[in-house]
Amino acid sequence: MGKHEGKENKYSIIIPTYNERLNIAIIIYLVFKHLKGVDFEVIVVDDGSPDGTQDVVKQLQQVYGEDRVLLRARPRKLGLGTAYYHGLKHASGEFVVIMDADLSHHPKYLPSFIRKQKETGANIITGTRYVRNGGVHGWNLMRKLTSRGANVLAQTLLWPGVSDLTGSFRLYKRSVLEDVISSCVSKGYVFQMEMIVRASRKGYHIEEVPITFVDRVYGSSKLGGSEIVEYLKGLVYLLFTT
């Protein structure tokens, strides 16, 4: 176990950021609000945001303590997959949560993730929009149809055993995340899908918790036409490599 010995019930929450100055204080406040009595740390991996995100995180460190809110910045945008890997290197918990900074993933679901993992002993808990009590708020019909269509296409081709492939709100056992992340080669939007497909192929125990995904509160969405093309290319790649 080494330096992680005795941290079986500690949770490291990795939040990648880029220009999230308006959201990061709210998300961290909500994490602390909903995880009272839980041993956890928040690791913010900021990719050189020019909007002052890092300054806000430094102020939050004064409020919550540098041992509870860790800023692990990088000089520029280097991709989502490497952001998780970078955060993982600095994590001290035996469980790792990955979530977005833009308030689309509400921290109120974290206790459900933790409870489900304790009840089932699962290696991975993933939030899903596509089961009873799950859903999406703030998307127009076209966006909902695109997302649902992409998910159905991936389900049909890949048979991953989970209902929401492209979600990025998950809890992992640390050792499982280290194993799965080292197997992945995709970047950006496809990375989440590759993570869960490879975890499924490796035989890890995956459980789901229904969540409502809320479209970002402040700032602009980073998903566009190029991401859809990347998704389709990633789907073909996974079809032939998993």
Protein backbone atom coordinates (compact mmCIF):
# COMPACT_ATOMS: atom_id res chain seq x y z
CA MET A 1 0.00 0.00 0.00
CA GLY A 2 2.89 2.37 0.70
CA LYS A 3 1.90 5.98 1.30
CA HIS A 4 -1.80 5.16 0.80
CA GLU A 5 -1.95 2.68 3.69
CA GLY A 6 -4.76 3.34 6.14
CA LYS A 7 -6.72 5.50 3.68
CA GLU A 8 -9.36 2.90 2.79
CA ASN A 9 -12.23 5.32 3.41
CA LYS A 10 -10.68 8.49 2.04
CA TYR A 11 -12.03 9.94 -1.19
CA SER A 12 -9.98 12.03 -3.62
CA ILE A 13 -12.22 14.17 -5.85
CA ILE A 14 -10.47 15.20 -9.06
CA ILE A 15 -11.94 18.22 -10.85
CA PRO A 16 -10.28 19.30 -14.12
CA THR A 17 -10.79 22.99 -14.91
CA TYR A 18 -10.34 25.41 -17.77
CA ASN A 19 -11.91 28.86 -17.39
CA GLU A 20 -14.21 27.83 -14.53
CA ARG A 21 -13.73 30.89 -12.30
CA LEU A 22 -17.50 31.37 -11.98
CA ASN A 23 -18.20 27.75 -11.07
CA ILE A 24 -15.30 26.39 -9.03
CA ALA A 25 -16.18 28.11 -5.73
CA ILE A 26 -19.78 26.88 -5.92
CA ILE A 27 -18.85 23.30 -6.76
CA ILE A 28 -16.31 23.09 -3.93
CA TYR A 29 -18.76 24.64 -1.46
CA LEU A 30 -21.36 22.03 -2.46
CA VAL A 31 -18.86 19.17 -2.12
CA PHE A 32 -18.10 20.23 1.45
CA LYS A 33 -21.82 20.71 2.17
CA HIS A 34 -22.80 17.22 1.01
CA LEU A 35 -19.81 15.29 2.36
CA LYS A 36 -19.96 16.26 6.03
CA GLY A 37 -18.32 13.57 8.14
CA VAL A 38 -16.51 12.06 5.13
CA ASP A 39 -12.72 12.01 4.81
CA PHE A 40 -11.99 13.60 1.43
CA GLU A 41 -9.79 15.97 -0.52
CA VAL A 42 -10.54 18.00 -3.66
CA ILE A 43 -7.83 18.09 -6.32
CA VAL A 44 -8.26 20.86 -8.89
CA VAL A 45 -6.26 20.23 -12.06
CA ASP A 46 -6.27 23.55 -13.91
CA ASP A 47 -4.89 23.77 -17.43
CA GLY A 48 -3.53 27.32 -17.36
CA SER A 49 -6.91 29.09 -17.30
CA PRO A 50 -6.50 32.76 -18.27
CA ASP A 51 -9.70 33.80 -16.43
CA GLY A 52 -8.33 33.63 -12.88
CA THR A 53 -9.61 30.17 -11.93
CA GLN A 54 -6.38 29.43 -10.06
CA ASP A 55 -6.66 32.64 -8.02
CA VAL A 56 -10.13 31.60 -6.88
CA VAL A 57 -8.86 28.13 -5.91
CA LYS A 58 -6.05 29.73 -3.87
CA GLN A 59 -8.65 31.79 -2.01
CA LEU A 60 -10.65 28.61 -1.36
CA GLN A 61 -7.51 27.02 0.10
CA GLN A 62 -7.47 29.79 2.68
CA VAL A 63 -11.06 28.92 3.63
CA TYR A 64 -10.94 25.11 3.62
CA GLY A 65 -7.22 24.41 4.06
CA GLU A 66 -4.51 23.43 1.59
CA ASP A 67 -4.77 19.82 2.78
CA ARG A 68 -8.46 19.67 1.73
CA VAL A 69 -8.30 21.71 -1.49
CA LEU A 70 -5.25 20.96 -3.61
CA LEU A 71 -4.34 22.99 -6.69
CA ARG A 72 -2.26 20.99 -9.13
CA ALA A 73 -1.98 23.28 -12.14
CA ARG A 74 -0.55 22.60 -15.57
CA PRO A 75 0.84 25.23 -17.96
CA ARG A 76 -1.73 24.80 -20.78
CA LYS A 77 -4.61 22.67 -22.08
CA LEU A 78 -3.30 19.11 -22.21
CA GLY A 79 -6.47 17.04 -22.41
CA LEU A 80 -8.98 15.43 -20.08
CA GLY A 81 -7.36 12.00 -19.82
CA THR A 82 -4.00 13.40 -18.80
CA ALA A 83 -5.74 15.73 -16.32
CA TYR A 84 -7.15 12.73 -14.47
CA TYR A 85 -3.80 10.99 -14.58
CA HIS A 86 -2.11 14.14 -13.23
CA GLY A 87 -4.66 14.42 -10.41
CA LEU A 88 -4.31 10.72 -9.61
CA LYS A 89 -0.57 11.16 -9.01
CA HIS A 90 -1.39 13.62 -6.22
CA ALA A 91 -4.35 11.73 -4.73
CA SER A 92 -4.03 10.15 -1.28
CA GLY A 93 -7.43 8.42 -1.08
CA GLU A 94 -8.20 4.79 -1.84
CA PHE A 95 -11.26 5.93 -3.78
CA VAL A 96 -11.21 8.53 -6.54
CA VAL A 97 -14.16 10.55 -7.82
CA ILE A 98 -13.99 12.30 -11.19
CA MET A 99 -16.49 15.06 -11.91
CA ASP A 100 -16.89 18.21 -13.98
CA ALA A 101 -16.43 21.71 -12.59
CA ASP A 102 -19.31 23.32 -14.48
CA LEU A 103 -22.09 22.24 -12.06
CA SER A 104 -23.50 19.72 -14.55
CA HIS A 105 -22.60 17.08 -11.93
CA HIS A 106 -24.25 18.02 -8.65
CA PRO A 107 -22.28 17.01 -5.53
CA LYS A 108 -25.57 16.03 -3.84
CA TYR A 109 -25.18 12.65 -5.59
CA LEU A 110 -21.81 11.90 -3.97
CA PRO A 111 -23.32 10.30 -0.83
CA SER A 112 -25.34 7.97 -3.11
CA PHE A 113 -22.17 6.99 -4.97
CA ILE A 114 -20.37 6.24 -1.70
CA ARG A 115 -23.33 4.34 -0.24
CA LYS A 116 -23.77 2.24 -3.38
CA GLN A 117 -20.08 1.30 -3.41
CA LYS A 118 -20.19 0.25 0.25
CA GLU A 119 -23.36 -1.79 -0.30
CA THR A 120 -22.16 -3.61 -3.42
CA GLY A 121 -18.36 -3.60 -3.12
CA ALA A 122 -18.25 -2.35 -6.72
CA ASN A 123 -15.00 -1.28 -8.36
CA ILE A 124 -16.72 1.57 -10.19
CA ILE A 125 -19.87 3.59 -9.55
CA THR A 126 -21.02 5.60 -12.54
CA GLY A 127 -23.75 8.21 -12.70
CA THR A 128 -26.32 7.55 -15.40
CA ARG A 129 -28.86 9.77 -17.14
CA TYR A 130 -30.59 6.88 -18.87
CA VAL A 131 -32.37 4.91 -16.12
CA ARG A 132 -35.41 5.58 -13.94
CA ASN A 133 -34.93 8.77 -11.86
CA GLY A 134 -32.06 9.87 -14.11
CA GLY A 135 -32.28 12.57 -16.77
CA VAL A 136 -31.01 15.76 -18.37
CA HIS A 137 -32.03 19.33 -17.55
CA GLY A 138 -31.41 22.36 -19.74
CA TRP A 139 -30.81 20.64 -23.09
CA ASN A 140 -32.94 21.31 -26.16
CA LEU A 141 -34.57 18.42 -27.99
CA MET A 142 -31.83 18.16 -30.63
CA ARG A 143 -29.09 17.90 -28.01
CA LYS A 144 -31.07 15.24 -26.12
CA LEU A 145 -31.64 13.24 -29.31
CA THR A 146 -27.97 13.52 -30.30
CA SER A 147 -26.82 12.35 -26.88
CA ARG A 148 -29.34 9.52 -26.70
CA GLY A 149 -28.54 8.46 -30.27
CA ALA A 150 -24.82 8.42 -29.59
CA ASN A 151 -25.40 6.31 -26.50
CA VAL A 152 -27.70 3.82 -28.27
CA LEU A 153 -25.19 3.48 -31.12
CA ALA A 154 -22.39 2.74 -28.67
CA GLN A 155 -24.58 0.29 -26.73
CA THR A 156 -25.43 -1.59 -29.92
CA LEU A 157 -21.85 -1.85 -31.16
CA LEU A 158 -19.90 -2.26 -27.93
CA TRP A 159 -22.22 -4.03 -25.42
CA PRO A 160 -20.50 -2.40 -22.42
CA GLY A 161 -22.98 -3.47 -19.75
CA VAL A 162 -23.69 0.08 -18.56
CA SER A 163 -26.47 2.43 -19.64
CA ASP A 164 -24.53 5.72 -19.87
CA LEU A 165 -21.24 5.45 -21.73
CA THR A 166 -20.34 9.08 -22.17
CA GLY A 167 -21.05 10.29 -18.63
CA SER A 168 -18.08 11.60 -16.69
CA PHE A 169 -19.33 11.52 -13.10
CA ARG A 170 -17.82 8.39 -11.56
CA LEU A 171 -16.30 6.89 -8.43
CA TYR A 172 -13.43 4.42 -8.82
CA LYS A 173 -11.40 2.27 -6.51
CA ARG A 174 -8.01 3.86 -6.87
CA SER A 175 -6.24 0.69 -8.03
CA VAL A 176 -8.91 0.11 -10.67
CA LEU A 177 -8.64 3.66 -12.01
CA GLU A 178 -4.85 3.31 -12.21
CA ASP A 179 -5.24 0.09 -14.17
CA VAL A 180 -7.93 1.31 -16.55
CA ILE A 181 -6.43 4.73 -17.22
CA SER A 182 -3.10 3.15 -18.21
CA SER A 183 -4.95 1.15 -20.91
CA CYS A 184 -6.63 4.17 -22.52
CA VAL A 185 -5.31 6.11 -25.48
CA SER A 186 -8.28 8.33 -26.41
CA LYS A 187 -8.41 12.08 -25.84
CA GLY A 188 -11.20 14.44 -24.89
CA TYR A 189 -14.83 13.43 -25.23
CA VAL A 190 -14.12 9.80 -26.21
CA PHE A 191 -11.91 9.23 -23.17
CA GLN A 192 -14.84 8.63 -20.78
CA MET A 193 -16.33 6.06 -23.12
CA GLU A 194 -13.05 4.21 -23.53
CA MET A 195 -12.56 4.14 -19.75
CA ILE A 196 -15.87 2.42 -19.02
CA VAL A 197 -15.66 0.03 -21.99
CA ARG A 198 -12.17 -1.13 -21.03
CA ALA A 199 -13.22 -1.48 -17.38
CA SER A 200 -16.14 -3.65 -18.48
CA ARG A 201 -13.90 -5.78 -20.72
CA LYS A 202 -11.48 -6.28 -17.84
CA GLY A 203 -14.33 -7.71 -15.77
CA TYR A 204 -14.53 -4.99 -13.13
CA HIS A 205 -17.75 -4.77 -11.10
CA ILE A 206 -19.63 -1.65 -12.22
CA GLU A 207 -22.77 -0.27 -10.59
CA GLU A 208 -24.92 2.70 -11.61
CA VAL A 209 -26.60 5.54 -9.72
CA PRO A 210 -29.28 7.67 -11.44
CA ILE A 211 -28.34 11.34 -11.78
CA THR A 212 -29.85 14.38 -13.43
CA PHE A 213 -27.29 16.08 -15.64
CA VAL A 214 -27.73 19.86 -15.64
CA ASP A 215 -26.37 21.91 -18.55
CA ARG A 216 -23.54 24.17 -17.44
CA VAL A 217 -24.65 27.12 -15.31
CA TYR A 218 -21.94 29.64 -16.23
CA GLY A 219 -19.75 29.73 -19.32
CA SER A 220 -20.13 28.09 -22.71
CA SER A 221 -20.31 24.39 -23.51
CA LYS A 222 -17.12 22.83 -24.86
CA LEU A 223 -19.02 20.24 -26.94
CA GLY A 224 -19.39 20.95 -30.65
CA GLY A 225 -19.35 19.37 -34.08
CA SER A 226 -15.70 18.37 -33.86
CA GLU A 227 -16.42 16.40 -30.67
CA ILE A 228 -19.19 14.47 -32.45
CA VAL A 229 -16.75 13.51 -35.21
CA GLU A 230 -14.21 12.47 -32.57
CA TYR A 231 -16.90 10.41 -30.86
CA LEU A 232 -17.70 8.48 -34.04
CA LYS A 233 -14.01 7.88 -34.75
CA GLY A 234 -13.54 6.72 -31.16
CA LEU A 235 -16.48 4.37 -31.46
CA VAL A 236 -14.92 2.68 -34.50
CA TYR A 237 -11.56 2.47 -32.70
CA LEU A 238 -13.10 0.81 -29.63
CA LEU A 239 -15.11 -1.54 -31.80
CA PHE A 240 -11.90 -2.98 -33.22
CA THR A 241 -9.66 -2.82 -30.15
CA THR A 242 -11.81 -4.02 -27.25
